[in-house]
């Protein structure tokens, strides 16, 4: 199963918008999403604090600020077929 990491924060409208688009797509395509609060971890806060929301695939940023579903699907497809 492909897993994405979502890094965002509470009370962030942009984060809420991205997550609202990501979760239904992920569910429909069998992709697991692990959600993290950027403010709960000093390393995440240092790395992504002003860049949230961020979506990571295998540790690489594949979306930041907004979600391009077509681009995400293109990036996930090879990993999904390899598993």
PDB file of N, CA and C in Angstrom:
ATOM      1  N   UNK A   1       0.845  -1.183   0.000  1.00  0.00           N
ATOM      2  CA  UNK A   1       0.000   0.000   0.000  1.00  0.00           C
ATOM      3  C   UNK A   1       0.889   1.246   0.000  1.00  0.00           C
ATOM      4  N   UNK A   2       0.526   2.201  -0.801  1.00  0.00           N
ATOM      5  CA  UNK A   2       1.233   3.473  -0.862  1.00  0.00           C
ATOM      6  C   UNK A   2       0.820   4.308   0.341  1.00  0.00           C
ATOM      7  N   UNK A   3       1.790   4.990   0.929  1.00  0.00           N
ATOM      8  CA  UNK A   3       1.500   5.858   2.069  1.00  0.00           C
ATOM      9  C   UNK A   3       2.027   7.261   1.797  1.00  0.00           C
ATOM     10  N   UNK A   4       1.173   8.229   2.092  1.00  0.00           N
ATOM     11  CA  UNK A   4       1.540   9.637   2.017  1.00  0.00           C
ATOM     12  C   UNK A   4       1.605  10.190   3.422  1.00  0.00           C
ATOM     13  N   UNK A   5       2.481  11.131   3.644  1.00  0.00           N
ATOM     14  CA  UNK A   5       2.535  11.858   4.908  1.00  0.00           C
ATOM     15  C   UNK A   5       1.987  13.251   4.652  1.00  0.00           C
ATOM     16  N   UNK A   6       1.030  13.643   5.462  1.00  0.00           N
ATOM     17  CA  UNK A   6       0.456  14.984   5.391  1.00  0.00           C
ATOM     18  C   UNK A   6       0.946  15.742   6.617  1.00  0.00           C
ATOM     19  N   UNK A   7       1.487  16.928   6.425  1.00  0.00           N
ATOM     20  CA  UNK A   7       1.961  17.761   7.523  1.00  0.00           C
ATOM     21  C   UNK A   7       1.199  19.084   7.441  1.00  0.00           C
ATOM     22  N   UNK A   8       0.475  19.396   8.497  1.00  0.00           N
ATOM     23  CA  UNK A   8      -0.307  20.630   8.532  1.00  0.00           C
ATOM     24  C   UNK A   8      -0.418  21.135   9.957  1.00  0.00           C
ATOM     25  N   UNK A   9      -1.325  22.091  10.153  1.00  0.00           N
ATOM     26  CA  UNK A   9      -1.529  22.603  11.508  1.00  0.00           C
ATOM     27  C   UNK A   9      -2.998  22.918  11.708  1.00  0.00           C
ATOM     28  N   UNK A  10      -3.389  22.967  12.973  1.00  0.00           N
ATOM     29  CA  UNK A  10      -4.751  23.322  13.333  1.00  0.00           C
ATOM     30  C   UNK A  10      -5.009  24.787  12.991  1.00  0.00           C
ATOM     31  N   UNK A  11      -6.272  25.098  12.759  1.00  0.00           N
ATOM     32  CA  UNK A  11      -6.689  26.472  12.468  1.00  0.00           C
ATOM     33  C   UNK A  11      -5.973  27.054  11.261  1.00  0.00           C
ATOM     34  N   UNK A  12      -5.778  26.236  10.253  1.00  0.00           N
ATOM     35  CA  UNK A  12      -5.127  26.658   9.003  1.00  0.00           C
ATOM     36  C   UNK A  12      -6.095  26.347   7.861  1.00  0.00           C
ATOM     37  N   UNK A  13      -6.779  27.354   7.336  1.00  0.00           N
ATOM     38  CA  UNK A  13      -7.742  27.106   6.273  1.00  0.00           C
ATOM     39  C   UNK A  13      -7.135  26.420   5.040  1.00  0.00           C
ATOM     40  N   UNK A  14      -5.929  26.781   4.669  1.00  0.00           N
ATOM     41  CA  UNK A  14      -5.275  26.149   3.529  1.00  0.00           C
ATOM     42  C   UNK A  14      -5.017  24.665   3.807  1.00  0.00           C
ATOM     43  N   UNK A  15      -4.627  24.354   5.039  1.00  0.00           N
ATOM     44  CA  UNK A  15      -4.413  22.958   5.439  1.00  0.00           C
ATOM     45  C   UNK A  15      -5.720  22.181   5.365  1.00  0.00           C
ATOM     46  N   UNK A  16      -6.791  22.772   5.886  1.00  0.00           N
ATOM     47  CA  UNK A  16      -8.104  22.120   5.864  1.00  0.00           C
ATOM     48  C   UNK A  16      -8.551  21.852   4.432  1.00  0.00           C
ATOM     49  N   UNK A  17      -8.323  22.816   3.552  1.00  0.00           N
ATOM     50  CA  UNK A  17      -8.730  22.680   2.148  1.00  0.00           C
ATOM     51  C   UNK A  17      -7.962  21.552   1.470  1.00  0.00           C
ATOM     52  N   UNK A  18      -6.652  21.509   1.662  1.00  0.00           N
ATOM     53  CA  UNK A  18      -5.847  20.462   1.040  1.00  0.00           C
ATOM     54  C   UNK A  18      -6.246  19.092   1.572  1.00  0.00           C
ATOM     55  N   UNK A  19      -6.417  18.980   2.872  1.00  0.00           N
ATOM     56  CA  UNK A  19      -6.767  17.693   3.474  1.00  0.00           C
ATOM     57  C   UNK A  19      -8.145  17.228   3.007  1.00  0.00           C
ATOM     58  N   UNK A  20      -9.079  18.155   2.851  1.00  0.00           N
ATOM     59  CA  UNK A  20     -10.423  17.811   2.376  1.00  0.00           C
ATOM     60  C   UNK A  20     -10.388  17.262   0.954  1.00  0.00           C
ATOM     61  N   UNK A  21      -9.435  17.693   0.153  1.00  0.00           N
ATOM     62  CA  UNK A  21      -9.277  17.155  -1.201  1.00  0.00           C
ATOM     63  C   UNK A  21      -8.489  15.849  -1.193  1.00  0.00           C
ATOM     64  N   UNK A  22      -7.493  15.758  -0.323  1.00  0.00           N
ATOM     65  CA  UNK A  22      -6.601  14.599  -0.298  1.00  0.00           C
ATOM     66  C   UNK A  22      -7.279  13.337   0.228  1.00  0.00           C
ATOM     67  N   UNK A  23      -7.982  13.434   1.332  1.00  0.00           N
ATOM     68  CA  UNK A  23      -8.508  12.229   1.976  1.00  0.00           C
ATOM     69  C   UNK A  23      -9.486  11.436   1.109  1.00  0.00           C
ATOM     70  N   UNK A  24     -10.465  12.068   0.460  1.00  0.00           N
ATOM     71  CA  UNK A  24     -11.353  11.269  -0.401  1.00  0.00           C
ATOM     72  C   UNK A  24     -10.607  10.619  -1.569  1.00  0.00           C
ATOM     73  N   UNK A  25      -9.670  11.352  -2.170  1.00  0.00           N
ATOM     74  CA  UNK A  25      -8.894  10.786  -3.269  1.00  0.00           C
ATOM     75  C   UNK A  25      -8.091   9.584  -2.773  1.00  0.00           C
ATOM     76  N   UNK A  26      -7.435   9.733  -1.637  1.00  0.00           N
ATOM     77  CA  UNK A  26      -6.618   8.650  -1.087  1.00  0.00           C
ATOM     78  C   UNK A  26      -7.475   7.426  -0.788  1.00  0.00           C
ATOM     79  N   UNK A  27      -8.623   7.634  -0.199  1.00  0.00           N
ATOM     80  CA  UNK A  27      -9.526   6.527   0.121  1.00  0.00           C
ATOM     81  C   UNK A  27      -9.946   5.798  -1.160  1.00  0.00           C
ATOM     82  N   UNK A  28     -10.286   6.559  -2.173  1.00  0.00           N
ATOM     83  CA  UNK A  28     -10.737   5.979  -3.442  1.00  0.00           C
ATOM     84  C   UNK A  28      -9.633   5.172  -4.128  1.00  0.00           C
ATOM     85  N   UNK A  29      -8.374   5.556  -3.930  1.00  0.00           N
ATOM     86  CA  UNK A  29      -7.256   4.896  -4.607  1.00  0.00           C
ATOM     87  C   UNK A  29      -6.455   3.959  -3.705  1.00  0.00           C
ATOM     88  N   UNK A  30      -6.942   3.700  -2.504  1.00  0.00           N
ATOM     89  CA  UNK A  30      -6.262   2.771  -1.608  1.00  0.00           C
ATOM     90  C   UNK A  30      -4.925   3.280  -1.100  1.00  0.00           C
ATOM     91  N   UNK A  31      -4.821   4.579  -0.936  1.00  0.00           N
ATOM     92  CA  UNK A  31      -3.590   5.200  -0.455  1.00  0.00           C
ATOM     93  C   UNK A  31      -3.784   5.585   1.002  1.00  0.00           C
ATOM     94  N   UNK A  32      -2.856   5.208   1.830  1.00  0.00           N
ATOM     95  CA  UNK A  32      -2.925   5.544   3.252  1.00  0.00           C
ATOM     96  C   UNK A  32      -2.312   6.928   3.481  1.00  0.00           C
ATOM     97  N   UNK A  33      -2.951   7.717   4.354  1.00  0.00           N
ATOM     98  CA  UNK A  33      -2.448   9.046   4.676  1.00  0.00           C
ATOM     99  C   UNK A  33      -2.165   9.116   6.174  1.00  0.00           C
ATOM    100  N   UNK A  34      -0.928   9.404   6.528  1.00  0.00           N
ATOM    101  CA  UNK A  34      -0.535   9.610   7.924  1.00  0.00           C
ATOM    102  C   UNK A  34      -0.471  11.119   8.148  1.00  0.00           C
ATOM    103  N   UNK A  35      -1.273  11.608   9.083  1.00  0.00           N
ATOM    104  CA  UNK A  35      -1.358  13.052   9.337  1.00  0.00           C
ATOM    105  C   UNK A  35      -0.489  13.433  10.530  1.00  0.00           C
ATOM    106  N   UNK A  36       0.240  14.535  10.364  1.00  0.00           N
ATOM    107  CA  UNK A  36       1.091  15.043  11.443  1.00  0.00           C
ATOM    108  C   UNK A  36       0.843  16.534  11.624  1.00  0.00           C
ATOM    109  N   UNK A  37       0.854  16.949  12.879  1.00  0.00           N
ATOM    110  CA  UNK A  37       0.744  18.369  13.217  1.00  0.00           C
ATOM    111  C   UNK A  37       2.153  18.946  13.232  1.00  0.00           C
ATOM    112  N   UNK A  38       2.402  19.922  12.372  1.00  0.00           N
ATOM    113  CA  UNK A  38       3.739  20.500  12.240  1.00  0.00           C
ATOM    114  C   UNK A  38       4.230  21.082  13.562  1.00  0.00           C
ATOM    115  N   UNK A  39       3.325  21.567  14.384  1.00  0.00           N
ATOM    116  CA  UNK A  39       3.719  22.201  15.642  1.00  0.00           C
ATOM    117  C   UNK A  39       3.999  21.209  16.770  1.00  0.00           C
ATOM    118  N   UNK A  40       3.734  19.924  16.528  1.00  0.00           N
ATOM    119  CA  UNK A  40       3.952  18.910  17.562  1.00  0.00           C
ATOM    120  C   UNK A  40       5.382  18.370  17.561  1.00  0.00           C
ATOM    121  N   UNK A  41       6.133  18.651  16.517  1.00  0.00           N
ATOM    122  CA  UNK A  41       7.481  18.097  16.404  1.00  0.00           C
ATOM    123  C   UNK A  41       8.457  19.209  16.001  1.00  0.00           C
ATOM    124  N   UNK A  42       9.479  19.468  16.803  1.00  0.00           N
ATOM    125  CA  UNK A  42      10.427  20.541  16.479  1.00  0.00           C
ATOM    126  C   UNK A  42      11.087  20.390  15.104  1.00  0.00           C
ATOM    127  N   UNK A  43      11.390  19.164  14.710  1.00  0.00           N
ATOM    128  CA  UNK A  43      12.015  18.942  13.400  1.00  0.00           C
ATOM    129  C   UNK A  43      11.048  19.288  12.270  1.00  0.00           C
ATOM    130  N   UNK A  44       9.796  18.849  12.388  1.00  0.00           N
ATOM    131  CA  UNK A  44       8.787  19.208  11.385  1.00  0.00           C
ATOM    132  C   UNK A  44       8.580  20.720  11.348  1.00  0.00           C
ATOM    133  N   UNK A  45       8.535  21.336  12.515  1.00  0.00           N
ATOM    134  CA  UNK A  45       8.334  22.795  12.586  1.00  0.00           C
ATOM    135  C   UNK A  45       9.497  23.529  11.911  1.00  0.00           C
ATOM    136  N   UNK A  46      10.717  23.063  12.129  1.00  0.00           N
ATOM    137  CA  UNK A  46      11.886  23.676  11.496  1.00  0.00           C
ATOM    138  C   UNK A  46      11.840  23.489   9.982  1.00  0.00           C
ATOM    139  N   UNK A  47      11.504  22.295   9.567  1.00  0.00           N
ATOM    140  CA  UNK A  47      11.557  21.947   8.150  1.00  0.00           C
ATOM    141  C   UNK A  47      10.373  22.519   7.347  1.00  0.00           C
ATOM    142  N   UNK A  48       9.153  22.458   7.933  1.00  0.00           N
ATOM    143  CA  UNK A  48       7.952  22.798   7.169  1.00  0.00           C
ATOM    144  C   UNK A  48       7.110  23.914   7.771  1.00  0.00           C
ATOM    145  N   UNK A  49       7.548  24.527   8.849  1.00  0.00           N
ATOM    146  CA  UNK A  49       6.738  25.468   9.605  1.00  0.00           C
ATOM    147  C   UNK A  49       5.997  26.511   8.804  1.00  0.00           C
ATOM    148  N   UNK A  50       6.641  27.147   7.844  1.00  0.00           N
ATOM    149  CA  UNK A  50       5.999  28.194   7.046  1.00  0.00           C
ATOM    150  C   UNK A  50       5.558  27.684   5.677  1.00  0.00           C
ATOM    151  N   UNK A  51       5.677  26.382   5.450  1.00  0.00           N
ATOM    152  CA  UNK A  51       5.357  25.818   4.138  1.00  0.00           C
ATOM    153  C   UNK A  51       4.126  24.929   4.159  1.00  0.00           C
ATOM    154  N   UNK A  52       3.467  24.788   5.304  1.00  0.00           N
ATOM    155  CA  UNK A  52       2.322  23.888   5.392  1.00  0.00           C
ATOM    156  C   UNK A  52       1.143  24.463   4.626  1.00  0.00           C
ATOM    157  N   UNK A  53       0.304  23.598   4.123  1.00  0.00           N
ATOM    158  CA  UNK A  53       0.333  22.142   4.209  1.00  0.00           C
ATOM    159  C   UNK A  53       1.333  21.538   3.227  1.00  0.00           C
ATOM    160  N   UNK A  54       1.837  20.367   3.614  1.00  0.00           N
ATOM    161  CA  UNK A  54       2.808  19.646   2.802  1.00  0.00           C
ATOM    162  C   UNK A  54       2.375  18.189   2.723  1.00  0.00           C
ATOM    163  N   UNK A  55       2.524  17.611   1.535  1.00  0.00           N
ATOM    164  CA  UNK A  55       2.279  16.184   1.347  1.00  0.00           C
ATOM    165  C   UNK A  55       3.591  15.566   0.894  1.00  0.00           C
ATOM    166  N   UNK A  56       3.971  14.489   1.565  1.00  0.00           N
ATOM    167  CA  UNK A  56       5.232  13.805   1.269  1.00  0.00           C
ATOM    168  C   UNK A  56       4.961  12.399   0.747  1.00  0.00           C
ATOM    169  N   UNK A  57       5.747  11.986  -0.222  1.00  0.00           N
ATOM    170  CA  UNK A  57       5.726  10.627  -0.741  1.00  0.00           C
ATOM    171  C   UNK A  57       7.148  10.117  -0.645  1.00  0.00           C
ATOM    172  N   UNK A  58       7.348   9.085   0.134  1.00  0.00           N
ATOM    173  CA  UNK A  58       8.697   8.542   0.362  1.00  0.00           C
ATOM    174  C   UNK A  58       9.658   9.625   0.833  1.00  0.00           C
ATOM    175  N   UNK A  59       9.157  10.538   1.679  1.00  0.00           N
ATOM    176  CA  UNK A  59       9.991  11.583   2.259  1.00  0.00           C
ATOM    177  C   UNK A  59      10.215  12.798   1.376  1.00  0.00           C
ATOM    178  N   UNK A  60       9.706  12.777   0.153  1.00  0.00           N
ATOM    179  CA  UNK A  60       9.877  13.894  -0.771  1.00  0.00           C
ATOM    180  C   UNK A  60       8.582  14.699  -0.862  1.00  0.00           C
ATOM    181  N   UNK A  61       8.699  16.005  -0.870  1.00  0.00           N
ATOM    182  CA  UNK A  61       7.525  16.880  -0.974  1.00  0.00           C
ATOM    183  C   UNK A  61       6.927  16.742  -2.368  1.00  0.00           C
ATOM    184  N   UNK A  62       5.652  16.352  -2.418  1.00  0.00           N
ATOM    185  CA  UNK A  62       4.951  16.230  -3.696  1.00  0.00           C
ATOM    186  C   UNK A  62       3.825  17.262  -3.814  1.00  0.00           C
ATOM    187  N   UNK A  63       3.525  17.949  -2.725  1.00  0.00           N
ATOM    188  CA  UNK A  63       2.542  19.031  -2.755  1.00  0.00           C
ATOM    189  C   UNK A  63       2.835  19.960  -1.586  1.00  0.00           C
ATOM    190  N   UNK A  64       2.678  21.239  -1.845  1.00  0.00           N
ATOM    191  CA  UNK A  64       2.863  22.236  -0.798  1.00  0.00           C
ATOM    192  C   UNK A  64       1.945  23.412  -1.113  1.00  0.00           C
ATOM    193  N   UNK A  65       1.101  23.749  -0.179  1.00  0.00           N
ATOM    194  CA  UNK A  65       0.188  24.863  -0.368  1.00  0.00           C
ATOM    195  C   UNK A  65      -1.120  24.459  -0.999  1.00  0.00           C
ATOM    196  N   UNK A  66      -1.062  23.816  -2.152  1.00  0.00           N
ATOM    197  CA  UNK A  66      -2.280  23.326  -2.784  1.00  0.00           C
ATOM    198  C   UNK A  66      -1.996  21.948  -3.369  1.00  0.00           C
ATOM    199  N   UNK A  67      -3.064  21.243  -3.698  1.00  0.00           N
ATOM    200  CA  UNK A  67      -2.930  19.871  -4.172  1.00  0.00           C
ATOM    201  C   UNK A  67      -3.332  19.783  -5.634  1.00  0.00           C
ATOM    202  N   UNK A  68      -2.430  19.278  -6.458  1.00  0.00           N
ATOM    203  CA  UNK A  68      -2.725  18.979  -7.849  1.00  0.00           C
ATOM    204  C   UNK A  68      -2.975  17.468  -7.912  1.00  0.00           C
ATOM    205  N   UNK A  69      -4.255  17.087  -7.925  1.00  0.00           N
ATOM    206  CA  UNK A  69      -4.629  15.668  -7.877  1.00  0.00           C
ATOM    207  C   UNK A  69      -4.034  14.899  -9.058  1.00  0.00           C
ATOM    208  N   UNK A  70      -4.043  15.481 -10.247  1.00  0.00           N
ATOM    209  CA  UNK A  70      -3.500  14.781 -11.415  1.00  0.00           C
ATOM    210  C   UNK A  70      -2.009  14.507 -11.251  1.00  0.00           C
ATOM    211  N   UNK A  71      -1.288  15.476 -10.740  1.00  0.00           N
ATOM    212  CA  UNK A  71       0.152  15.296 -10.517  1.00  0.00           C
ATOM    213  C   UNK A  71       0.397  14.261  -9.415  1.00  0.00           C
ATOM    214  N   UNK A  72      -0.386  14.319  -8.360  1.00  0.00           N
ATOM    215  CA  UNK A  72      -0.245  13.334  -7.290  1.00  0.00           C
ATOM    216  C   UNK A  72      -0.500  11.926  -7.822  1.00  0.00           C
ATOM    217  N   UNK A  73      -1.547  11.767  -8.611  1.00  0.00           N
ATOM    218  CA  UNK A  73      -1.860  10.452  -9.191  1.00  0.00           C
ATOM    219  C   UNK A  73      -0.707   9.964 -10.061  1.00  0.00           C
ATOM    220  N   UNK A  74      -0.114  10.856 -10.842  1.00  0.00           N
ATOM    221  CA  UNK A  74       1.018  10.483 -11.698  1.00  0.00           C
ATOM    222  C   UNK A  74       2.205   9.995 -10.870  1.00  0.00           C
ATOM    223  N   UNK A  75       2.440  10.624  -9.730  1.00  0.00           N
ATOM    224  CA  UNK A  75       3.567  10.250  -8.879  1.00  0.00           C
ATOM    225  C   UNK A  75       3.307   8.965  -8.101  1.00  0.00           C
ATOM    226  N   UNK A  76       2.060   8.751  -7.718  1.00  0.00           N
ATOM    227  CA  UNK A  76       1.710   7.571  -6.915  1.00  0.00           C
ATOM    228  C   UNK A  76       1.594   6.315  -7.778  1.00  0.00           C
ATOM    229  N   UNK A  77       1.141   6.461  -9.006  1.00  0.00           N
ATOM    230  CA  UNK A  77       0.861   5.320  -9.874  1.00  0.00           C
ATOM    231  C   UNK A  77       2.010   4.308  -9.953  1.00  0.00           C
ATOM    232  N   UNK A  78       3.256   4.704 -10.211  1.00  0.00           N
ATOM    233  CA  UNK A  78       4.330   3.700 -10.303  1.00  0.00           C
ATOM    234  C   UNK A  78       4.562   2.942  -8.995  1.00  0.00           C
ATOM    235  N   UNK A  79       4.405   3.623  -7.877  1.00  0.00           N
ATOM    236  CA  UNK A  79       4.599   2.963  -6.584  1.00  0.00           C
ATOM    237  C   UNK A  79       3.471   1.996  -6.295  1.00  0.00           C
ATOM    238  N   UNK A  80       2.255   2.356  -6.679  1.00  0.00           N
ATOM    239  CA  UNK A  80       1.100   1.498  -6.439  1.00  0.00           C
ATOM    240  C   UNK A  80       1.202   0.203  -7.266  1.00  0.00           C
ATOM    241  N   UNK A  81       1.656   0.309  -8.501  1.00  0.00           N
ATOM    242  CA  UNK A  81       1.748  -0.864  -9.343  1.00  0.00           C
ATOM    243  C   UNK A  81       2.930  -1.756  -8.966  1.00  0.00           C
ATOM    244  N   UNK A  82       3.928  -1.198  -8.287  1.00  0.00           N
ATOM    245  CA  UNK A  82       5.114  -1.980  -7.891  1.00  0.00           C
ATOM    246  C   UNK A  82       4.860  -2.791  -6.630  1.00  0.00           C
ATOM    247  N   UNK A  83       3.781  -2.521  -5.931  1.00  0.00           N
ATOM    248  CA  UNK A  83       3.543  -3.203  -4.651  1.00  0.00           C
ATOM    249  C   UNK A  83       2.568  -4.311  -4.779  1.00  0.00           C
TER     250      UNK A  83
END
